[in-house]
Amino acid sequence: MLGETIHIELDRNGPLWEKSQYRDIKDPCPVFDGKTWQIFGSGRSVASEKWGILHVTAPYINGPCGLNNHAQH
């Protein structure tokens, strides 16, 4: 089967997170705890050049998302 082409269909479920107070967001890691989707990552503030921990929660992977401010700095 070497050289055989494999086709995989992927469905997009919308953005994990849309930028708001962050200039840059990287390394998103979605986690489902059985009830809520949580997204952890790194975010760089629009107001400064400081990086912080991004923590977002949503009832569904495609939203609506809410930023949890307690995870910053």
C-alpha atoms as a PDB file:
ATOM      1  CA  MET A   1       0.000   0.000   0.000  1.00  0.00           C
ATOM      2  CA  LEU A   2       3.026   2.257  -0.162  1.00  0.00           C
ATOM      3  CA  GLY A   3       2.343   5.362  -2.240  1.00  0.00           C
ATOM      4  CA  GLU A   4      -1.428   5.022  -1.842  1.00  0.00           C
ATOM      5  CA  THR A   5      -3.292   8.328  -1.435  1.00  0.00           C
ATOM      6  CA  ILE A   6      -5.531   8.627   1.620  1.00  0.00           C
ATOM      7  CA  HIS A   7      -8.334  11.210   1.659  1.00  0.00           C
ATOM      8  CA  ILE A   8      -9.613  12.474   5.013  1.00  0.00           C
ATOM      9  CA  GLU A   9     -12.655  14.725   5.305  1.00  0.00           C
ATOM     10  CA  LEU A  10     -12.460  17.377   8.010  1.00  0.00           C
ATOM     11  CA  ASP A  11     -15.276  19.567   9.292  1.00  0.00           C
ATOM     12  CA  ARG A  12     -14.561  23.086  10.552  1.00  0.00           C
ATOM     13  CA  ASN A  13     -16.571  24.070  13.596  1.00  0.00           C
ATOM     14  CA  GLY A  14     -15.733  27.760  13.659  1.00  0.00           C
ATOM     15  CA  PRO A  15     -12.859  29.596  15.300  1.00  0.00           C
ATOM     16  CA  LEU A  16     -11.599  28.426  18.677  1.00  0.00           C
ATOM     17  CA  TRP A  17     -11.203  32.011  19.768  1.00  0.00           C
ATOM     18  CA  GLU A  18     -11.538  35.408  18.143  1.00  0.00           C
ATOM     19  CA  LYS A  19      -9.057  38.070  19.207  1.00  0.00           C
ATOM     20  CA  SER A  20     -10.282  40.867  21.420  1.00  0.00           C
ATOM     21  CA  GLN A  21      -7.897  42.201  24.046  1.00  0.00           C
ATOM     22  CA  TYR A  22      -5.015  40.098  22.746  1.00  0.00           C
ATOM     23  CA  ARG A  23      -2.771  41.141  19.865  1.00  0.00           C
ATOM     24  CA  ASP A  24      -1.430  37.608  19.460  1.00  0.00           C
ATOM     25  CA  ILE A  25      -2.719  34.237  20.603  1.00  0.00           C
ATOM     26  CA  LYS A  26      -0.709  31.034  20.301  1.00  0.00           C
ATOM     27  CA  ASP A  27      -0.667  27.401  21.368  1.00  0.00           C
ATOM     28  CA  PRO A  28      -4.437  26.922  21.870  1.00  0.00           C
ATOM     29  CA  CYS A  29      -5.221  23.703  23.734  1.00  0.00           C
ATOM     30  CA  PRO A  30      -8.927  22.746  23.810  1.00  0.00           C
ATOM     31  CA  VAL A  31      -9.976  20.509  26.717  1.00  0.00           C
ATOM     32  CA  PHE A  32     -13.419  19.031  27.358  1.00  0.00           C
ATOM     33  CA  ASP A  33     -14.120  18.259  31.028  1.00  0.00           C
ATOM     34  CA  GLY A  34     -17.367  16.414  30.319  1.00  0.00           C
ATOM     35  CA  LYS A  35     -19.495  19.549  30.719  1.00  0.00           C
ATOM     36  CA  THR A  36     -17.626  22.587  29.385  1.00  0.00           C
ATOM     37  CA  TRP A  37     -15.020  23.244  26.724  1.00  0.00           C
ATOM     38  CA  GLN A  38     -11.977  25.043  28.074  1.00  0.00           C
ATOM     39  CA  ILE A  39      -9.266  26.544  25.908  1.00  0.00           C
ATOM     40  CA  PHE A  40      -5.860  27.304  27.379  1.00  0.00           C
ATOM     41  CA  GLY A  41      -3.131  29.143  25.540  1.00  0.00           C
ATOM     42  CA  SER A  42      -0.793  32.123  25.523  1.00  0.00           C
ATOM     43  CA  GLY A  43      -1.934  35.646  24.743  1.00  0.00           C
ATOM     44  CA  ARG A  44      -0.070  38.929  24.262  1.00  0.00           C
ATOM     45  CA  SER A  45      -1.947  42.013  25.397  1.00  0.00           C
ATOM     46  CA  VAL A  46      -2.946  44.798  23.015  1.00  0.00           C
ATOM     47  CA  ALA A  47      -2.188  47.376  25.733  1.00  0.00           C
ATOM     48  CA  SER A  48       1.328  46.073  26.470  1.00  0.00           C
ATOM     49  CA  GLU A  49       3.858  43.580  25.214  1.00  0.00           C
ATOM     50  CA  LYS A  50       3.296  41.228  28.160  1.00  0.00           C
ATOM     51  CA  TRP A  51       2.312  37.628  27.599  1.00  0.00           C
ATOM     52  CA  GLY A  52      -0.241  35.956  29.835  1.00  0.00           C
ATOM     53  CA  ILE A  53      -2.219  32.742  30.114  1.00  0.00           C
ATOM     54  CA  LEU A  54      -5.383  32.657  28.046  1.00  0.00           C
ATOM     55  CA  HIS A  55      -8.316  30.729  29.537  1.00  0.00           C
ATOM     56  CA  VAL A  56     -11.608  30.624  27.670  1.00  0.00           C
ATOM     57  CA  THR A  57     -14.699  28.535  28.398  1.00  0.00           C
ATOM     58  CA  ALA A  58     -17.634  27.615  26.168  1.00  0.00           C
ATOM     59  CA  PRO A  59     -20.575  25.206  26.403  1.00  0.00           C
ATOM     60  CA  TYR A  60     -19.836  24.011  22.848  1.00  0.00           C
ATOM     61  CA  ILE A  61     -16.587  23.851  20.863  1.00  0.00           C
ATOM     62  CA  ASN A  62     -17.993  26.385  18.389  1.00  0.00           C
ATOM     63  CA  GLY A  63     -19.017  28.836  21.145  1.00  0.00           C
ATOM     64  CA  PRO A  64     -20.127  31.116  22.473  1.00  0.00           C
ATOM     65  CA  CYS A  65     -16.818  31.723  24.260  1.00  0.00           C
ATOM     66  CA  GLY A  66     -16.175  33.680  27.422  1.00  0.00           C
ATOM     67  CA  LEU A  67     -12.786  34.939  28.591  1.00  0.00           C
ATOM     68  CA  ASN A  68     -11.851  34.101  32.176  1.00  0.00           C
ATOM     69  CA  ASN A  69      -9.823  37.072  33.419  1.00  0.00           C
ATOM     70  CA  HIS A  70      -8.555  35.317  36.542  1.00  0.00           C
ATOM     71  CA  ALA A  71      -6.058  33.355  34.436  1.00  0.00           C
ATOM     72  CA  GLN A  72      -4.150  36.416  33.307  1.00  0.00           C
ATOM     73  CA  HIS A  73      -0.684  37.277  34.706  1.00  0.00           C
END
